[in-house]
Amino acid sequence: MNIEDAIQSRKSVRAFLDTPVEKDTIERILRLSQRSPSGTNTQPWHVYVCTGEVKDAIVRDVCALFDQGKASKYEDYDYYPAEWKPVHRDRRRQLGWELYGLLGIEKGDRERTAQQSRRNFQFFDAPVGLFFTTDAYLGRGSWFDAGLYMQTVMLAARGEGLHTCPQAAWISFQEPIFRHLNIPEDQVLLSGLAMGYEDTSAIENTLVSQREELENVATFLGFD
């Protein structure tokens, strides 16, 4: 698969087959992703890959916290703002409306909305979960570098015929993740990622989120 096809075909998949992913395949993806750029080659990322009983334990404990309403706030981790500006708020809402529309979840249906949100913490049934961290003392530049690494992982996964779903949702339920994966306390969680083979029969996987027109995000200067 060439790079353009990988970029164009990458999407957030929210329903996976239970087909296992071989460890060798994941290792190839991660070895390739080590070529990701970083400022002064600091390579400020760590990745924890889980499947089987370890993944199941994380799912069990986080779902229990979710069911008890014990989510932390994103702003507690300086991750997302407490309030969004209209341009970003509207993009978020549009994505939600499109997803829930496909699933037949009507506005105000809190029970089905919660059920769909809970699927995040089951990795959308993906057989592999990944968690990305960086060292806590590092700043925003290193978070940026770790994001480049995660994007490379997602594109490399496409080259192996796999799909992914980046999941900020795990930020709200960190204790079981750190405990089951033995993540040191001097690291901070950046994101989770579901990885596996797409369930092409799932209606939610027909969703391809919209993108802004180039002229709304790019500024060109000095060209004839």
N, C-alpha and C. Protein backbone atom coordinates (compact mmCIF):
# COMPACT_ATOMS: atom_id res chain seq x y z
N MET A 1 0.85 -1.19 0.00
CA MET A 1 0.00 0.00 0.00
C MET A 1 0.89 1.24 0.00
N ASN A 2 0.65 2.16 -0.95
CA ASN A 2 1.47 3.37 -0.97
C ASN A 2 0.98 4.35 0.09
N ILE A 3 1.78 5.39 0.33
CA ILE A 3 1.50 6.29 1.44
C ILE A 3 0.20 7.05 1.24
N GLU A 4 -0.13 7.44 0.01
CA GLU A 4 -1.38 8.15 -0.22
C GLU A 4 -2.58 7.26 0.11
N ASP A 5 -2.53 6.01 -0.31
CA ASP A 5 -3.62 5.09 -0.01
C ASP A 5 -3.76 4.87 1.49
N ALA A 6 -2.63 4.79 2.18
CA ALA A 6 -2.67 4.59 3.63
C ALA A 6 -3.34 5.78 4.31
N ILE A 7 -2.97 6.99 3.90
CA ILE A 7 -3.55 8.20 4.50
C ILE A 7 -5.03 8.29 4.18
N GLN A 8 -5.39 8.06 2.93
CA GLN A 8 -6.80 8.19 2.52
C GLN A 8 -7.69 7.12 3.14
N SER A 9 -7.14 5.95 3.38
CA SER A 9 -7.97 4.85 3.89
C SER A 9 -7.98 4.78 5.41
N ARG A 10 -7.08 5.52 6.07
CA ARG A 10 -7.10 5.51 7.53
C ARG A 10 -8.36 6.21 8.03
N LYS A 11 -9.03 5.60 8.96
CA LYS A 11 -10.21 6.17 9.58
C LYS A 11 -10.33 5.58 10.98
N SER A 12 -11.18 6.16 11.79
CA SER A 12 -11.42 5.61 13.13
C SER A 12 -12.48 4.52 13.03
N VAL A 13 -12.03 3.30 13.21
CA VAL A 13 -12.93 2.14 13.14
C VAL A 13 -13.50 1.87 14.53
N ARG A 14 -14.81 1.69 14.59
CA ARG A 14 -15.48 1.51 15.88
C ARG A 14 -16.19 0.17 16.00
N ALA A 15 -15.77 -0.78 15.18
CA ALA A 15 -16.24 -2.16 15.29
C ALA A 15 -15.19 -3.04 14.61
N PHE A 16 -14.64 -3.99 15.37
CA PHE A 16 -13.57 -4.84 14.88
C PHE A 16 -14.00 -6.31 14.90
N LEU A 17 -13.36 -7.09 14.04
CA LEU A 17 -13.49 -8.54 14.10
C LEU A 17 -12.66 -9.07 15.26
N ASP A 18 -12.97 -10.28 15.70
CA ASP A 18 -12.19 -10.88 16.79
C ASP A 18 -10.96 -11.63 16.26
N THR A 19 -10.65 -11.45 14.99
CA THR A 19 -9.48 -12.10 14.38
C THR A 19 -8.21 -11.65 15.09
N PRO A 20 -7.41 -12.59 15.60
CA PRO A 20 -6.18 -12.19 16.31
C PRO A 20 -5.20 -11.48 15.39
N VAL A 21 -4.37 -10.64 15.98
CA VAL A 21 -3.27 -9.99 15.26
C VAL A 21 -1.98 -10.58 15.81
N GLU A 22 -1.16 -11.12 14.93
CA GLU A 22 0.08 -11.77 15.36
C GLU A 22 1.04 -10.76 15.98
N LYS A 23 1.76 -11.20 16.99
CA LYS A 23 2.75 -10.34 17.63
C LYS A 23 3.80 -9.86 16.64
N ASP A 24 4.21 -10.74 15.71
CA ASP A 24 5.21 -10.35 14.71
C ASP A 24 4.71 -9.18 13.87
N THR A 25 3.43 -9.15 13.57
CA THR A 25 2.85 -8.05 12.78
C THR A 25 2.94 -6.74 13.55
N ILE A 26 2.60 -6.79 14.82
CA ILE A 26 2.67 -5.58 15.65
C ILE A 26 4.11 -5.11 15.79
N GLU A 27 5.02 -6.04 15.94
CA GLU A 27 6.43 -5.66 16.06
C GLU A 27 6.92 -4.99 14.78
N ARG A 28 6.51 -5.47 13.61
CA ARG A 28 6.89 -4.82 12.36
C ARG A 28 6.37 -3.39 12.32
N ILE A 29 5.14 -3.21 12.73
CA ILE A 29 4.54 -1.87 12.75
C ILE A 29 5.34 -0.94 13.66
N LEU A 30 5.67 -1.42 14.83
CA LEU A 30 6.36 -0.57 15.80
C LEU A 30 7.82 -0.32 15.42
N ARG A 31 8.47 -1.31 14.82
CA ARG A 31 9.84 -1.08 14.36
C ARG A 31 9.87 -0.01 13.27
N LEU A 32 8.94 -0.11 12.33
CA LEU A 32 8.86 0.90 11.27
C LEU A 32 8.56 2.27 11.86
N SER A 33 7.70 2.31 12.85
CA SER A 33 7.28 3.58 13.45
C SER A 33 8.40 4.25 14.23
N GLN A 34 9.44 3.49 14.57
CA GLN A 34 10.58 4.10 15.25
C GLN A 34 11.29 5.13 14.37
N ARG A 35 10.98 5.15 13.06
CA ARG A 35 11.54 6.16 12.17
C ARG A 35 10.77 7.48 12.27
N SER A 36 9.81 7.57 13.16
CA SER A 36 9.08 8.83 13.34
C SER A 36 10.04 9.93 13.77
N PRO A 37 9.80 11.16 13.32
CA PRO A 37 10.68 12.26 13.70
C PRO A 37 10.40 12.74 15.12
N SER A 38 11.43 13.34 15.72
CA SER A 38 11.25 13.98 17.02
C SER A 38 12.33 15.04 17.18
N GLY A 39 12.02 16.07 17.94
CA GLY A 39 12.96 17.16 18.13
C GLY A 39 14.27 16.68 18.73
N THR A 40 15.37 16.97 18.07
CA THR A 40 16.73 16.55 18.45
C THR A 40 16.81 15.05 18.76
N ASN A 41 15.97 14.28 18.08
CA ASN A 41 15.96 12.82 18.18
C ASN A 41 15.74 12.32 19.61
N THR A 42 14.92 13.02 20.37
CA THR A 42 14.65 12.61 21.75
C THR A 42 13.78 11.36 21.83
N GLN A 43 12.98 11.09 20.79
CA GLN A 43 12.11 9.90 20.77
C GLN A 43 11.35 9.75 22.10
N PRO A 44 10.53 10.76 22.44
CA PRO A 44 9.94 10.80 23.78
C PRO A 44 8.65 10.00 23.91
N TRP A 45 8.64 8.78 23.41
CA TRP A 45 7.42 7.98 23.47
C TRP A 45 7.68 6.61 24.08
N HIS A 46 6.64 6.10 24.69
CA HIS A 46 6.59 4.72 25.14
C HIS A 46 5.26 4.16 24.65
N VAL A 47 5.23 2.88 24.34
CA VAL A 47 3.99 2.25 23.92
C VAL A 47 3.84 0.91 24.64
N TYR A 48 2.65 0.68 25.16
CA TYR A 48 2.32 -0.54 25.87
C TYR A 48 1.25 -1.28 25.07
N VAL A 49 1.54 -2.50 24.69
CA VAL A 49 0.65 -3.27 23.83
C VAL A 49 0.06 -4.41 24.65
N CYS A 50 -1.27 -4.52 24.63
CA CYS A 50 -1.90 -5.55 25.46
C CYS A 50 -2.96 -6.31 24.67
N THR A 51 -3.09 -7.55 25.02
CA THR A 51 -4.12 -8.42 24.47
C THR A 51 -4.45 -9.46 25.54
N GLY A 52 -5.36 -10.37 25.24
CA GLY A 52 -5.64 -11.47 26.14
C GLY A 52 -6.09 -11.03 27.52
N GLU A 53 -5.57 -11.72 28.57
CA GLU A 53 -6.02 -11.50 29.93
C GLU A 53 -5.71 -10.10 30.44
N VAL A 54 -4.59 -9.53 30.03
CA VAL A 54 -4.24 -8.18 30.49
C VAL A 54 -5.22 -7.16 29.93
N LYS A 55 -5.50 -7.25 28.65
CA LYS A 55 -6.47 -6.35 28.05
C LYS A 55 -7.84 -6.53 28.69
N ASP A 56 -8.22 -7.78 28.90
CA ASP A 56 -9.53 -8.05 29.51
C ASP A 56 -9.64 -7.45 30.90
N ALA A 57 -8.55 -7.48 31.66
CA ALA A 57 -8.56 -6.92 33.01
C ALA A 57 -8.75 -5.41 32.98
N ILE A 58 -8.07 -4.75 32.03
CA ILE A 58 -8.23 -3.30 31.88
C ILE A 58 -9.66 -2.97 31.50
N VAL A 59 -10.19 -3.71 30.54
CA VAL A 59 -11.58 -3.49 30.11
C VAL A 59 -12.54 -3.67 31.28
N ARG A 60 -12.36 -4.73 32.03
CA ARG A 60 -13.26 -5.02 33.16
C ARG A 60 -13.24 -3.89 34.18
N ASP A 61 -12.05 -3.46 34.58
CA ASP A 61 -11.94 -2.48 35.65
C ASP A 61 -12.37 -1.09 35.20
N VAL A 62 -12.03 -0.73 33.97
CA VAL A 62 -12.43 0.60 33.49
C VAL A 62 -13.93 0.65 33.25
N CYS A 63 -14.51 -0.41 32.72
CA CYS A 63 -15.96 -0.44 32.52
C CYS A 63 -16.69 -0.34 33.85
N ALA A 64 -16.13 -0.94 34.90
CA ALA A 64 -16.74 -0.84 36.22
C ALA A 64 -16.74 0.61 36.70
N LEU A 65 -15.63 1.31 36.50
CA LEU A 65 -15.57 2.73 36.87
C LEU A 65 -16.54 3.55 36.05
N PHE A 66 -16.62 3.24 34.76
CA PHE A 66 -17.56 3.96 33.88
C PHE A 66 -18.99 3.76 34.37
N ASP A 67 -19.35 2.54 34.70
CA ASP A 67 -20.70 2.25 35.15
C ASP A 67 -21.03 2.95 36.47
N GLN A 68 -20.00 3.21 37.27
CA GLN A 68 -20.19 3.89 38.55
C GLN A 68 -20.11 5.41 38.42
N GLY A 69 -19.87 5.89 37.18
CA GLY A 69 -19.79 7.33 36.96
C GLY A 69 -18.56 7.97 37.56
N LYS A 70 -17.46 7.23 37.60
CA LYS A 70 -16.25 7.73 38.25
C LYS A 70 -15.20 8.22 37.26
N ALA A 71 -15.64 8.89 36.22
CA ALA A 71 -14.71 9.42 35.23
C ALA A 71 -14.04 10.69 35.74
N SER A 72 -12.74 10.81 35.50
CA SER A 72 -12.05 12.08 35.74
C SER A 72 -12.34 13.02 34.57
N LYS A 73 -12.04 14.29 34.76
CA LYS A 73 -12.26 15.28 33.72
C LYS A 73 -10.99 15.45 32.88
N TYR A 74 -11.19 15.66 31.59
CA TYR A 74 -10.04 15.87 30.71
C TYR A 74 -9.20 17.05 31.17
N GLU A 75 -9.87 18.12 31.64
CA GLU A 75 -9.12 19.31 32.03
C GLU A 75 -8.26 19.07 33.27
N ASP A 76 -8.59 18.01 34.05
CA ASP A 76 -7.76 17.67 35.20
C ASP A 76 -6.36 17.27 34.77
N TYR A 77 -6.24 16.80 33.54
CA TYR A 77 -4.95 16.36 33.00
C TYR A 77 -4.40 17.34 31.96
N ASP A 78 -5.01 18.53 31.90
CA ASP A 78 -4.61 19.54 30.92
C ASP A 78 -4.64 18.96 29.51
N TYR A 79 -5.70 18.19 29.23
CA TYR A 79 -5.78 17.46 27.97
C TYR A 79 -6.72 18.15 26.98
N TYR A 80 -7.96 18.39 27.41
CA TYR A 80 -8.93 19.15 26.64
C TYR A 80 -9.41 20.32 27.49
N PRO A 81 -9.86 21.39 26.86
CA PRO A 81 -10.37 22.52 27.65
C PRO A 81 -11.74 22.23 28.24
N ALA A 82 -12.07 22.94 29.31
CA ALA A 82 -13.40 22.80 29.90
C ALA A 82 -14.48 23.33 28.96
N GLU A 83 -14.14 24.34 28.18
CA GLU A 83 -15.07 24.90 27.20
C GLU A 83 -14.35 25.04 25.86
N TRP A 84 -15.07 24.73 24.78
CA TRP A 84 -14.52 24.78 23.43
C TRP A 84 -14.96 26.05 22.72
N LYS A 85 -14.10 26.58 21.89
CA LYS A 85 -14.54 27.66 20.99
C LYS A 85 -15.49 27.08 19.95
N PRO A 86 -16.38 27.92 19.40
CA PRO A 86 -17.42 27.39 18.50
C PRO A 86 -16.91 26.53 17.36
N VAL A 87 -15.79 26.91 16.73
CA VAL A 87 -15.32 26.17 15.56
C VAL A 87 -14.99 24.72 15.92
N HIS A 88 -14.37 24.51 17.07
CA HIS A 88 -14.01 23.15 17.48
C HIS A 88 -15.21 22.43 18.09
N ARG A 89 -16.03 23.16 18.83
CA ARG A 89 -17.24 22.56 19.40
C ARG A 89 -18.14 22.03 18.29
N ASP A 90 -18.29 22.81 17.23
CA ASP A 90 -19.20 22.41 16.15
C ASP A 90 -18.68 21.19 15.41
N ARG A 91 -17.38 21.10 15.23
CA ARG A 91 -16.81 19.91 14.58
C ARG A 91 -17.06 18.66 15.42
N ARG A 92 -16.88 18.79 16.73
CA ARG A 92 -17.13 17.66 17.62
C ARG A 92 -18.59 17.22 17.55
N ARG A 93 -19.48 18.19 17.60
CA ARG A 93 -20.90 17.87 17.57
C ARG A 93 -21.30 17.22 16.25
N GLN A 94 -20.74 17.72 15.15
CA GLN A 94 -21.08 17.17 13.85
C GLN A 94 -20.69 15.69 13.77
N LEU A 95 -19.51 15.38 14.28
CA LEU A 95 -19.08 13.98 14.29
C LEU A 95 -20.03 13.12 15.12
N GLY A 96 -20.41 13.62 16.29
CA GLY A 96 -21.33 12.88 17.14
C GLY A 96 -22.67 12.65 16.48
N TRP A 97 -23.21 13.69 15.84
CA TRP A 97 -24.50 13.55 15.17
C TRP A 97 -24.42 12.52 14.04
N GLU A 98 -23.33 12.55 13.29
CA GLU A 98 -23.18 11.61 12.18
C GLU A 98 -23.08 10.17 12.69
N LEU A 99 -22.29 9.96 13.74
CA LEU A 99 -22.14 8.60 14.28
C LEU A 99 -23.45 8.11 14.87
N TYR A 100 -24.06 8.92 15.71
CA TYR A 100 -25.30 8.49 16.35
C TYR A 100 -26.43 8.34 15.34
N GLY A 101 -26.40 9.14 14.30
CA GLY A 101 -27.41 9.00 13.25
C GLY A 101 -27.31 7.65 12.56
N LEU A 102 -26.09 7.21 12.27
CA LEU A 102 -25.90 5.90 11.66
C LEU A 102 -26.39 4.78 12.57
N LEU A 103 -26.19 4.96 13.87
CA LEU A 103 -26.55 3.93 14.84
C LEU A 103 -28.00 4.02 15.29
N GLY A 104 -28.71 5.03 14.81
CA GLY A 104 -30.11 5.19 15.19
C GLY A 104 -30.30 5.66 16.61
N ILE A 105 -29.30 6.37 17.15
CA ILE A 105 -29.40 6.90 18.52
C ILE A 105 -29.93 8.32 18.43
N GLU A 106 -31.10 8.54 18.97
CA GLU A 106 -31.73 9.85 18.88
C GLU A 106 -31.19 10.78 19.96
N LYS A 107 -31.24 12.08 19.65
CA LYS A 107 -30.80 13.09 20.61
C LYS A 107 -31.60 12.96 21.89
N GLY A 108 -30.91 12.94 23.02
CA GLY A 108 -31.56 12.81 24.31
C GLY A 108 -31.67 11.38 24.82
N ASP A 109 -31.29 10.40 24.00
CA ASP A 109 -31.33 9.01 24.43
C ASP A 109 -30.06 8.71 25.22
N ARG A 110 -30.12 9.00 26.49
CA ARG A 110 -28.92 8.90 27.32
C ARG A 110 -28.45 7.46 27.50
N GLU A 111 -29.39 6.53 27.56
CA GLU A 111 -29.01 5.14 27.77
C GLU A 111 -28.20 4.59 26.61
N ARG A 112 -28.68 4.80 25.38
CA ARG A 112 -27.95 4.27 24.23
C ARG A 112 -26.67 5.07 23.98
N THR A 113 -26.70 6.36 24.29
CA THR A 113 -25.48 7.16 24.18
C THR A 113 -24.41 6.63 25.12
N ALA A 114 -24.80 6.31 26.35
CA ALA A 114 -23.86 5.75 27.32
C ALA A 114 -23.34 4.39 26.87
N GLN A 115 -24.23 3.56 26.31
CA GLN A 115 -23.82 2.25 25.82
C GLN A 115 -22.76 2.38 24.73
N GLN A 116 -22.96 3.34 23.81
CA GLN A 116 -21.99 3.54 22.75
C GLN A 116 -20.67 4.08 23.31
N SER A 117 -20.75 5.00 24.26
CA SER A 117 -19.53 5.53 24.88
C SER A 117 -18.76 4.41 25.59
N ARG A 118 -19.49 3.51 26.21
CA ARG A 118 -18.87 2.41 26.93
C ARG A 118 -18.06 1.50 26.01
N ARG A 119 -18.44 1.43 24.75
CA ARG A 119 -17.72 0.58 23.80
C ARG A 119 -16.28 1.04 23.61
N ASN A 120 -16.02 2.33 23.86
CA ASN A 120 -14.63 2.79 23.85
C ASN A 120 -13.78 1.92 24.76
N PHE A 121 -14.32 1.59 25.94
CA PHE A 121 -13.55 0.91 26.96
C PHE A 121 -13.57 -0.60 26.81
N GLN A 122 -14.11 -1.04 25.69
CA GLN A 122 -13.98 -2.42 25.24
C GLN A 122 -13.12 -2.48 23.97
N PHE A 123 -12.45 -1.38 23.67
CA PHE A 123 -11.64 -1.26 22.45
C PHE A 123 -12.47 -1.55 21.21
N PHE A 124 -13.77 -1.31 21.28
CA PHE A 124 -14.67 -1.62 20.17
C PHE A 124 -14.48 -3.06 19.68
N ASP A 125 -14.17 -3.94 20.63
CA ASP A 125 -13.97 -5.38 20.38
C ASP A 125 -12.69 -5.69 19.61
N ALA A 126 -11.81 -4.73 19.49
CA ALA A 126 -10.52 -5.00 18.84
C ALA A 126 -9.71 -5.98 19.68
N PRO A 127 -8.92 -6.85 19.05
CA PRO A 127 -8.14 -7.83 19.81
C PRO A 127 -6.89 -7.26 20.46
N VAL A 128 -6.48 -6.06 20.04
CA VAL A 128 -5.24 -5.46 20.54
C VAL A 128 -5.51 -4.04 21.01
N GLY A 129 -4.99 -3.72 22.18
CA GLY A 129 -5.03 -2.35 22.68
C GLY A 129 -3.63 -1.82 22.87
N LEU A 130 -3.42 -0.57 22.52
CA LEU A 130 -2.14 0.08 22.73
C LEU A 130 -2.35 1.35 23.55
N PHE A 131 -1.38 1.65 24.41
CA PHE A 131 -1.42 2.89 25.18
C PHE A 131 -0.08 3.61 24.99
N PHE A 132 -0.17 4.90 24.73
CA PHE A 132 1.00 5.72 24.44
C PHE A 132 1.24 6.68 25.61
N THR A 133 2.48 6.73 26.05
CA THR A 133 2.85 7.62 27.15
C THR A 133 4.10 8.40 26.78
N THR A 134 4.38 9.41 27.58
CA THR A 134 5.64 10.12 27.51
C THR A 134 6.09 10.42 28.92
N ASP A 135 7.31 10.86 29.10
CA ASP A 135 7.82 11.16 30.43
C ASP A 135 7.19 12.44 30.95
N ALA A 136 6.78 12.42 32.20
CA ALA A 136 5.97 13.49 32.75
C ALA A 136 6.67 14.84 32.76
N TYR A 137 8.01 14.86 32.86
CA TYR A 137 8.69 16.14 32.96
C TYR A 137 8.78 16.89 31.63
N LEU A 138 8.48 16.19 30.53
CA LEU A 138 8.61 16.80 29.21
C LEU A 138 7.45 17.74 28.92
N GLY A 139 7.67 18.64 27.94
CA GLY A 139 6.68 19.66 27.62
C GLY A 139 5.91 19.37 26.35
N ARG A 140 5.22 20.42 25.87
CA ARG A 140 4.31 20.25 24.74
C ARG A 140 5.01 19.80 23.47
N GLY A 141 6.25 20.20 23.29
CA GLY A 141 6.97 19.77 22.10
C GLY A 141 7.12 18.26 22.03
N SER A 142 7.32 17.65 23.18
CA SER A 142 7.46 16.19 23.22
C SER A 142 6.12 15.50 23.04
N TRP A 143 5.04 16.12 23.52
CA TRP A 143 3.71 15.59 23.24
C TRP A 143 3.45 15.60 21.74
N PHE A 144 3.88 16.68 21.10
CA PHE A 144 3.74 16.78 19.65
C PHE A 144 4.51 15.65 18.97
N ASP A 145 5.74 15.42 19.40
CA ASP A 145 6.55 14.34 18.82
C ASP A 145 5.89 12.98 19.02
N ALA A 146 5.34 12.76 20.20
CA ALA A 146 4.67 11.48 20.46
C ALA A 146 3.44 11.32 19.58
N GLY A 147 2.78 12.44 19.26
CA GLY A 147 1.65 12.38 18.33
C GLY A 147 2.08 11.98 16.93
N LEU A 148 3.25 12.47 16.51
CA LEU A 148 3.79 12.05 15.22
C LEU A 148 4.04 10.54 15.21
N TYR A 149 4.54 10.04 16.32
CA TYR A 149 4.79 8.60 16.44
C TYR A 149 3.48 7.81 16.33
N MET A 150 2.47 8.26 17.03
CA MET A 150 1.20 7.56 17.01
C MET A 150 0.58 7.56 15.62
N GLN A 151 0.68 8.68 14.92
CA GLN A 151 0.18 8.75 13.55
C GLN A 151 0.93 7.77 12.66
N THR A 152 2.24 7.66 12.85
CA THR A 152 3.02 6.72 12.06
C THR A 152 2.58 5.29 12.33
N VAL A 153 2.29 4.97 13.59
CA VAL A 153 1.79 3.64 13.93
C VAL A 153 0.48 3.35 13.19
N MET A 154 -0.42 4.33 13.15
CA MET A 154 -1.70 4.12 12.49
C MET A 154 -1.53 3.91 10.99
N LEU A 155 -0.62 4.64 10.37
CA LEU A 155 -0.40 4.47 8.93
C LEU A 155 0.32 3.16 8.64
N ALA A 156 1.27 2.80 9.50
CA ALA A 156 1.97 1.52 9.31
C ALA A 156 0.99 0.36 9.48
N ALA A 157 0.02 0.51 10.36
CA ALA A 157 -0.99 -0.52 10.53
C ALA A 157 -1.80 -0.73 9.25
N ARG A 158 -2.08 0.35 8.54
CA ARG A 158 -2.80 0.22 7.27
C ARG A 158 -1.98 -0.61 6.28
N GLY A 159 -0.68 -0.44 6.32
CA GLY A 159 0.18 -1.22 5.44
C GLY A 159 0.11 -2.71 5.71
N GLU A 160 -0.32 -3.08 6.91
CA GLU A 160 -0.49 -4.49 7.27
C GLU A 160 -1.93 -4.95 7.13
N GLY A 161 -2.78 -4.09 6.55
CA GLY A 161 -4.18 -4.44 6.37
C GLY A 161 -5.03 -4.27 7.62
N LEU A 162 -4.48 -3.59 8.62
CA LEU A 162 -5.18 -3.38 9.88
C LEU A 162 -5.82 -1.99 9.93
N HIS A 163 -6.75 -1.84 10.84
CA HIS A 163 -7.35 -0.54 11.12
C HIS A 163 -7.17 -0.21 12.60
N THR A 164 -7.39 1.05 12.93
CA THR A 164 -7.18 1.52 14.29
C THR A 164 -8.27 2.52 14.67
N CYS A 165 -8.32 2.82 15.95
CA CYS A 165 -9.14 3.92 16.44
C CYS A 165 -8.39 4.59 17.58
N PRO A 166 -7.89 5.81 17.38
CA PRO A 166 -7.25 6.53 18.49
C PRO A 166 -8.31 6.91 19.52
N GLN A 167 -7.99 6.75 20.80
CA GLN A 167 -8.99 6.89 21.85
C GLN A 167 -8.49 7.75 23.00
N ALA A 168 -8.86 9.02 22.96
CA ALA A 168 -8.57 9.90 24.10
C ALA A 168 -9.43 9.55 25.30
N ALA A 169 -10.52 8.81 25.09
CA ALA A 169 -11.47 8.51 26.16
C ALA A 169 -10.81 7.86 27.37
N TRP A 170 -9.74 7.10 27.15
CA TRP A 170 -9.08 6.41 28.25
C TRP A 170 -8.47 7.39 29.26
N ILE A 171 -8.26 8.63 28.88
CA ILE A 171 -7.65 9.61 29.77
C ILE A 171 -8.46 9.73 31.06
N SER A 172 -9.76 9.52 30.99
CA SER A 172 -10.63 9.71 32.15
C SER A 172 -10.59 8.54 33.14
N PHE A 173 -9.90 7.45 32.79
CA PHE A 173 -9.88 6.26 33.64
C PHE A 173 -8.48 5.67 33.68
N GLN A 174 -7.55 6.35 34.34
CA GLN A 174 -6.14 5.99 34.18
C GLN A 174 -5.63 4.95 35.17
N GLU A 175 -6.19 4.90 36.36
CA GLU A 175 -5.61 4.05 37.41
C GLU A 175 -5.50 2.59 36.99
N PRO A 176 -6.56 1.96 36.46
CA PRO A 176 -6.41 0.55 36.06
C PRO A 176 -5.39 0.35 34.95
N ILE A 177 -5.27 1.32 34.07
CA ILE A 177 -4.32 1.20 32.96
C ILE A 177 -2.90 1.18 33.49
N PHE A 178 -2.57 2.13 34.36
CA PHE A 178 -1.23 2.19 34.94
C PHE A 178 -0.95 0.93 35.77
N ARG A 179 -1.95 0.46 36.49
CA ARG A 179 -1.76 -0.69 37.37
C ARG A 179 -1.53 -1.97 36.58
N HIS A 180 -2.39 -2.25 35.63
CA HIS A 180 -2.28 -3.52 34.90
C HIS A 180 -1.10 -3.55 33.94
N LEU A 181 -0.67 -2.40 33.45
CA LEU A 181 0.46 -2.36 32.51
C LEU A 181 1.78 -2.01 33.19
N ASN A 182 1.74 -1.81 34.52
CA ASN A 182 2.96 -1.47 35.27
C ASN A 182 3.65 -0.25 34.68
N ILE A 183 2.87 0.75 34.34
CA ILE A 183 3.43 2.00 33.81
C ILE A 183 4.03 2.80 34.96
N PRO A 184 5.29 3.23 34.86
CA PRO A 184 5.90 4.00 35.95
C PRO A 184 5.16 5.31 36.21
N GLU A 185 5.23 5.76 37.44
CA GLU A 185 4.53 6.97 37.84
C GLU A 185 5.10 8.23 37.21
N ASP A 186 6.32 8.14 36.68
CA ASP A 186 6.92 9.33 36.07
C ASP A 186 6.58 9.43 34.57
N GLN A 187 5.57 8.69 34.13
CA GLN A 187 5.06 8.82 32.77
C GLN A 187 3.63 9.32 32.80
N VAL A 188 3.21 9.95 31.70
CA VAL A 188 1.83 10.42 31.58
C VAL A 188 1.19 9.76 30.37
N LEU A 189 -0.09 9.47 30.51
CA LEU A 189 -0.84 8.82 29.43
C LEU A 189 -1.25 9.85 28.39
N LEU A 190 -1.01 9.52 27.12
CA LEU A 190 -1.36 10.42 26.01
C LEU A 190 -2.60 9.96 25.28
N SER A 191 -2.74 8.67 25.07
CA SER A 191 -3.90 8.16 24.32
C SER A 191 -3.90 6.64 24.35
N GLY A 192 -5.07 6.08 24.12
CA GLY A 192 -5.18 4.67 23.83
C GLY A 192 -5.40 4.48 22.34
N LEU A 193 -5.30 3.25 21.88
CA LEU A 193 -5.50 2.96 20.47
C LEU A 193 -6.01 1.53 20.33
N ALA A 194 -7.15 1.37 19.68
CA ALA A 194 -7.66 0.05 19.34
C ALA A 194 -7.08 -0.36 17.99
N MET A 195 -6.69 -1.63 17.86
CA MET A 195 -6.08 -2.11 16.62
C MET A 195 -6.59 -3.49 16.28
N GLY A 196 -6.94 -3.70 15.02
CA GLY A 196 -7.39 -5.02 14.59
C GLY A 196 -7.90 -4.95 13.16
N TYR A 197 -8.69 -5.94 12.79
CA TYR A 197 -9.26 -6.00 11.45
C TYR A 197 -10.69 -5.45 11.48
N GLU A 198 -10.99 -4.61 10.52
CA GLU A 198 -12.29 -3.94 10.48
C GLU A 198 -13.43 -4.92 10.26
N ASP A 199 -14.51 -4.71 11.00
CA ASP A 199 -15.77 -5.41 10.73
C ASP A 199 -16.50 -4.60 9.67
N THR A 200 -16.38 -5.01 8.43
CA THR A 200 -16.94 -4.24 7.32
C THR A 200 -18.46 -4.31 7.27
N SER A 201 -19.07 -5.18 8.07
CA SER A 201 -20.53 -5.27 8.09
C SER A 201 -21.15 -4.28 9.08
N ALA A 202 -20.32 -3.62 9.90
CA ALA A 202 -20.83 -2.71 10.93
C ALA A 202 -21.14 -1.35 10.33
N ILE A 203 -22.35 -0.85 10.55
CA ILE A 203 -22.79 0.41 9.95
C ILE A 203 -21.93 1.58 10.41
N GLU A 204 -21.44 1.53 11.66
CA GLU A 204 -20.64 2.65 12.16
C GLU A 204 -19.33 2.82 11.41
N ASN A 205 -18.86 1.74 10.77
CA ASN A 205 -17.61 1.83 10.04
C ASN A 205 -17.76 2.45 8.65
N THR A 206 -18.99 2.79 8.28
CA THR A 206 -19.18 3.55 7.03
C THR A 206 -18.92 5.03 7.25
N LEU A 207 -18.78 5.44 8.51
CA LEU A 207 -18.55 6.85 8.81
C LEU A 207 -17.11 7.24 8.48
N VAL A 208 -16.98 8.25 7.65
CA VAL A 208 -15.68 8.87 7.38
C VAL A 208 -15.85 10.34 7.73
N SER A 209 -15.19 10.79 8.77
CA SER A 209 -15.41 12.14 9.27
C SER A 209 -14.99 13.19 8.25
N GLN A 210 -15.69 14.30 8.28
CA GLN A 210 -15.47 15.37 7.32
C GLN A 210 -14.18 16.12 7.64
N ARG A 211 -13.61 16.75 6.62
CA ARG A 211 -12.43 17.59 6.79
C ARG A 211 -12.68 18.97 6.20
N GLU A 212 -12.06 19.97 6.81
CA GLU A 212 -12.18 21.33 6.31
C GLU A 212 -11.55 21.46 4.93
N GLU A 213 -12.06 22.40 4.16
CA GLU A 213 -11.42 22.73 2.89
C GLU A 213 -10.05 23.34 3.16
N LEU A 214 -9.13 23.11 2.25
CA LEU A 214 -7.75 23.55 2.45
C LEU A 214 -7.65 25.04 2.71
N GLU A 215 -8.45 25.83 2.01
CA GLU A 215 -8.35 27.28 2.16
C GLU A 215 -8.74 27.76 3.56
N ASN A 216 -9.41 26.90 4.33
CA ASN A 216 -9.80 27.29 5.68
C ASN A 216 -8.72 27.02 6.72
N VAL A 217 -7.68 26.29 6.33
CA VAL A 217 -6.63 25.95 7.30
C VAL A 217 -5.23 26.33 6.84
N ALA A 218 -5.03 26.53 5.55
CA ALA A 218 -3.70 26.78 5.02
C ALA A 218 -3.56 28.23 4.55
N THR A 219 -2.41 28.83 4.85
CA THR A 219 -2.07 30.18 4.40
C THR A 219 -0.80 30.10 3.56
N PHE A 220 -0.88 30.61 2.34
CA PHE A 220 0.28 30.59 1.43
C PHE A 220 0.80 32.02 1.26
N LEU A 221 2.11 32.19 1.41
CA LEU A 221 2.72 33.50 1.32
C LEU A 221 3.93 33.44 0.39
N GLY A 222 4.10 34.47 -0.42
CA GLY A 222 5.31 34.60 -1.24
C GLY A 222 5.27 33.83 -2.53
N PHE A 223 4.15 33.23 -2.89
CA PHE A 223 4.03 32.50 -4.16
C PHE A 223 3.56 33.46 -5.24
N ASP A 224 3.99 33.20 -6.48
CA ASP A 224 3.53 34.00 -7.62
C ASP A 224 2.09 33.67 -7.95
